[in-house]
Amino acid sequence: MGVAYRLVKPIVTFESYVRGIQSIRNSAGIRLTTSPLGITPEEYASDPPIYVGNSVPWKIKGRGAKGGGVPASLRSINPAVADGLERAIKMSKQFAGTYGTQLVNGKLYTNKNVKQWEAGKKRHAL
């Protein structure tokens, strides 16, 4: 699975910051996102976080269709992880088309995530 890390906004010139962001966006193996999820709406409004992370191989353009399933190479390396990923993909597809957000313990999450937590009978530690 890809992991995202929150970027600390640097104290550099705006131009060099934008150039750095553009080079990340042009890389197929790196993703750059922002998200209001998992923080309070007030935190997002005052200082929206920026996350950078490695893209998982099956979501990189040209390396297979997005959502195409578990790569055979992963199954050969770690079958247990591949099984878990297959369950996660199946559950994600089950709730495709679920939109909107809701506050859970004062933090914003997508309705799809909440439904997946409930379906998995394991409430995510929020």
C-alpha atoms as a PDB file:
ATOM      1  CA  MET A   1       0.000   0.000   0.000  1.00  0.00           C
ATOM      2  CA  GLY A   2       1.148   3.522  -0.613  1.00  0.00           C
ATOM      3  CA  VAL A   3       1.917   5.644   2.398  1.00  0.00           C
ATOM      4  CA  ALA A   4       1.472   9.402   2.492  1.00  0.00           C
ATOM      5  CA  TYR A   5       3.447  11.799   4.631  1.00  0.00           C
ATOM      6  CA  ARG A   6       2.282  15.264   5.550  1.00  0.00           C
ATOM      7  CA  LEU A   7       4.609  17.933   4.199  1.00  0.00           C
ATOM      8  CA  VAL A   8       5.747  20.752   6.396  1.00  0.00           C
ATOM      9  CA  LYS A   9       5.292  23.864   4.331  1.00  0.00           C
ATOM     10  CA  PRO A  10       8.792  25.177   3.675  1.00  0.00           C
ATOM     11  CA  ILE A  11      10.122  28.634   4.217  1.00  0.00           C
ATOM     12  CA  VAL A  12      11.421  29.222   0.682  1.00  0.00           C
ATOM     13  CA  THR A  13      10.550  31.502  -2.167  1.00  0.00           C
ATOM     14  CA  PHE A  14       7.166  30.868  -3.709  1.00  0.00           C
ATOM     15  CA  GLU A  15       8.785  30.230  -7.107  1.00  0.00           C
ATOM     16  CA  SER A  16      11.081  27.449  -5.827  1.00  0.00           C
ATOM     17  CA  TYR A  17       8.201  25.930  -3.851  1.00  0.00           C
ATOM     18  CA  VAL A  18       6.015  25.813  -6.978  1.00  0.00           C
ATOM     19  CA  ARG A  19       8.865  24.310  -9.060  1.00  0.00           C
ATOM     20  CA  GLY A  20       9.332  21.568  -6.451  1.00  0.00           C
ATOM     21  CA  ILE A  21       5.609  20.828  -6.378  1.00  0.00           C
ATOM     22  CA  GLN A  22       5.494  20.682 -10.192  1.00  0.00           C
ATOM     23  CA  SER A  23       8.375  18.192 -10.340  1.00  0.00           C
ATOM     24  CA  ILE A  24       6.543  15.952  -7.844  1.00  0.00           C
ATOM     25  CA  ARG A  25       3.296  16.195  -9.844  1.00  0.00           C
ATOM     26  CA  ASN A  26       5.139  15.205 -13.038  1.00  0.00           C
ATOM     27  CA  SER A  27       6.481  12.023 -11.458  1.00  0.00           C
ATOM     28  CA  ALA A  28       4.334   8.929 -12.118  1.00  0.00           C
ATOM     29  CA  GLY A  29       5.548   7.206  -8.962  1.00  0.00           C
ATOM     30  CA  ILE A  30       4.795  10.014  -6.524  1.00  0.00           C
ATOM     31  CA  ARG A  31       1.415  11.441  -5.596  1.00  0.00           C
ATOM     32  CA  LEU A  32       0.724  14.824  -4.072  1.00  0.00           C
ATOM     33  CA  THR A  33      -2.628  15.472  -2.444  1.00  0.00           C
ATOM     34  CA  THR A  34      -4.492  17.551   0.060  1.00  0.00           C
ATOM     35  CA  SER A  35      -7.353  16.298   2.153  1.00  0.00           C
ATOM     36  CA  PRO A  36      -9.748  17.661   4.755  1.00  0.00           C
ATOM     37  CA  LEU A  37     -10.225  14.138   6.103  1.00  0.00           C
ATOM     38  CA  GLY A  38      -9.089  13.115   9.563  1.00  0.00           C
ATOM     39  CA  ILE A  39      -8.795  16.671  10.847  1.00  0.00           C
ATOM     40  CA  THR A  40     -11.324  19.183  12.062  1.00  0.00           C
ATOM     41  CA  PRO A  41     -12.951  21.503   9.511  1.00  0.00           C
ATOM     42  CA  GLU A  42     -11.360  24.454  11.329  1.00  0.00           C
ATOM     43  CA  GLU A  43      -7.866  22.955  10.960  1.00  0.00           C
ATOM     44  CA  TYR A  44      -8.425  22.433   7.247  1.00  0.00           C
ATOM     45  CA  ALA A  45      -9.766  25.955   6.745  1.00  0.00           C
ATOM     46  CA  SER A  46      -6.808  27.579   8.508  1.00  0.00           C
ATOM     47  CA  ASP A  47      -3.957  25.426   7.151  1.00  0.00           C
ATOM     48  CA  PRO A  48      -4.866  22.675   4.661  1.00  0.00           C
ATOM     49  CA  PRO A  49      -2.319  19.849   4.814  1.00  0.00           C
ATOM     50  CA  ILE A  50      -0.358  18.705   1.779  1.00  0.00           C
ATOM     51  CA  TYR A  51       0.621  15.032   1.572  1.00  0.00           C
ATOM     52  CA  VAL A  52       3.270  13.372  -0.582  1.00  0.00           C
ATOM     53  CA  GLY A  53       3.563   9.633  -1.030  1.00  0.00           C
ATOM     54  CA  ASN A  54       4.596   6.823  -3.316  1.00  0.00           C
ATOM     55  CA  SER A  55       1.945   5.591  -5.694  1.00  0.00           C
ATOM     56  CA  VAL A  56       1.116   1.908  -5.464  1.00  0.00           C
ATOM     57  CA  PRO A  57       2.255   0.140  -8.659  1.00  0.00           C
ATOM     58  CA  TRP A  58      -1.206  -0.881  -9.870  1.00  0.00           C
ATOM     59  CA  LYS A  59      -2.397   2.750  -9.801  1.00  0.00           C
ATOM     60  CA  ILE A  60       0.489   4.130 -11.856  1.00  0.00           C
ATOM     61  CA  LYS A  61      -0.586   4.928 -15.402  1.00  0.00           C
ATOM     62  CA  GLY A  62       0.830   2.407 -17.829  1.00  0.00           C
ATOM     63  CA  ARG A  63       1.372  -0.300 -15.181  1.00  0.00           C
ATOM     64  CA  GLY A  64      -2.103  -1.770 -15.215  1.00  0.00           C
ATOM     65  CA  ALA A  65      -5.626  -0.500 -14.902  1.00  0.00           C
ATOM     66  CA  LYS A  66      -6.508   1.414 -11.776  1.00  0.00           C
ATOM     67  CA  GLY A  67      -8.398  -0.881  -9.470  1.00  0.00           C
ATOM     68  CA  GLY A  68      -7.358  -3.871 -11.573  1.00  0.00           C
ATOM     69  CA  GLY A  69      -6.690  -6.039  -8.567  1.00  0.00           C
ATOM     70  CA  VAL A  70      -3.733  -7.481  -6.756  1.00  0.00           C
ATOM     71  CA  PRO A  71      -0.561  -7.879  -8.817  1.00  0.00           C
ATOM     72  CA  ALA A  72       0.695 -11.451  -9.119  1.00  0.00           C
ATOM     73  CA  SER A  73       4.122 -10.306  -7.940  1.00  0.00           C
ATOM     74  CA  LEU A  74       2.642  -9.263  -4.575  1.00  0.00           C
ATOM     75  CA  ARG A  75       0.934 -12.627  -4.148  1.00  0.00           C
ATOM     76  CA  SER A  76       4.241 -14.431  -4.726  1.00  0.00           C
ATOM     77  CA  ILE A  77       6.024 -12.236  -2.164  1.00  0.00           C
ATOM     78  CA  ASN A  78       3.386 -12.165   0.582  1.00  0.00           C
ATOM     79  CA  PRO A  79       0.138 -14.111   0.100  1.00  0.00           C
ATOM     80  CA  ALA A  80      -1.362 -12.854   3.387  1.00  0.00           C
ATOM     81  CA  VAL A  81      -0.947  -9.221   2.363  1.00  0.00           C
ATOM     82  CA  ALA A  82      -2.375 -10.027  -1.081  1.00  0.00           C
ATOM     83  CA  ASP A  83      -5.435 -11.663   0.557  1.00  0.00           C
ATOM     84  CA  GLY A  84      -5.987  -8.618   2.762  1.00  0.00           C
ATOM     85  CA  LEU A  85      -5.643  -6.298  -0.199  1.00  0.00           C
ATOM     86  CA  GLU A  86      -8.171  -8.350  -2.178  1.00  0.00           C
ATOM     87  CA  ARG A  87     -10.660  -8.019   0.707  1.00  0.00           C
ATOM     88  CA  ALA A  88     -10.036  -4.258   0.879  1.00  0.00           C
ATOM     89  CA  ILE A  89     -10.535  -3.851  -2.884  1.00  0.00           C
ATOM     90  CA  LYS A  90     -13.757  -5.902  -2.755  1.00  0.00           C
ATOM     91  CA  MET A  91     -15.113  -3.812   0.126  1.00  0.00           C
ATOM     92  CA  SER A  92     -14.141  -0.581  -1.630  1.00  0.00           C
ATOM     93  CA  LYS A  93     -16.014  -1.668  -4.764  1.00  0.00           C
ATOM     94  CA  GLN A  94     -19.020  -2.675  -2.625  1.00  0.00           C
ATOM     95  CA  PHE A  95     -19.419   0.932  -1.504  1.00  0.00           C
ATOM     96  CA  ALA A  96     -18.565   2.588  -4.827  1.00  0.00           C
ATOM     97  CA  GLY A  97     -20.906   5.497  -5.396  1.00  0.00           C
ATOM     98  CA  THR A  98     -21.157   6.341  -1.692  1.00  0.00           C
ATOM     99  CA  TYR A  99     -20.522  10.062  -1.442  1.00  0.00           C
ATOM    100  CA  GLY A 100     -20.473  12.770   1.163  1.00  0.00           C
ATOM    101  CA  THR A 101     -18.746  13.277   4.456  1.00  0.00           C
ATOM    102  CA  GLN A 102     -19.613  13.199   8.125  1.00  0.00           C
ATOM    103  CA  LEU A 103     -18.056  14.237  11.376  1.00  0.00           C
ATOM    104  CA  VAL A 104     -16.910  11.360  13.582  1.00  0.00           C
ATOM    105  CA  ASN A 105     -15.569  12.431  16.969  1.00  0.00           C
ATOM    106  CA  GLY A 106     -15.219  15.968  15.601  1.00  0.00           C
ATOM    107  CA  LYS A 107     -13.142  14.945  12.578  1.00  0.00           C
ATOM    108  CA  LEU A 108     -14.240  14.752   8.957  1.00  0.00           C
ATOM    109  CA  TYR A 109     -14.353  11.383   7.158  1.00  0.00           C
ATOM    110  CA  THR A 110     -15.956  10.193   3.936  1.00  0.00           C
ATOM    111  CA  ASN A 111     -19.226   8.282   4.219  1.00  0.00           C
ATOM    112  CA  LYS A 112     -17.580   5.530   2.179  1.00  0.00           C
ATOM    113  CA  ASN A 113     -14.833   5.101   4.796  1.00  0.00           C
ATOM    114  CA  VAL A 114     -17.334   4.985   7.646  1.00  0.00           C
ATOM    115  CA  LYS A 115     -19.422   2.356   5.815  1.00  0.00           C
ATOM    116  CA  GLN A 116     -16.296   0.289   5.163  1.00  0.00           C
ATOM    117  CA  TRP A 117     -15.315   0.442   8.853  1.00  0.00           C
ATOM    118  CA  GLU A 118     -18.799  -0.633   9.879  1.00  0.00           C
ATOM    119  CA  ALA A 119     -18.931  -3.435   7.292  1.00  0.00           C
ATOM    120  CA  GLY A 120     -15.582  -4.703   8.472  1.00  0.00           C
ATOM    121  CA  LYS A 121     -17.036  -4.864  11.996  1.00  0.00           C
ATOM    122  CA  LYS A 122     -13.982  -3.023  13.204  1.00  0.00           C
ATOM    123  CA  ARG A 123     -14.481   0.583  14.096  1.00  0.00           C
ATOM    124  CA  HIS A 124     -11.346   2.470  13.129  1.00  0.00           C
ATOM    125  CA  ALA A 125      -9.649   3.993  16.169  1.00  0.00           C
ATOM    126  CA  LEU A 126     -10.530   7.620  15.641  1.00  0.00           C
END
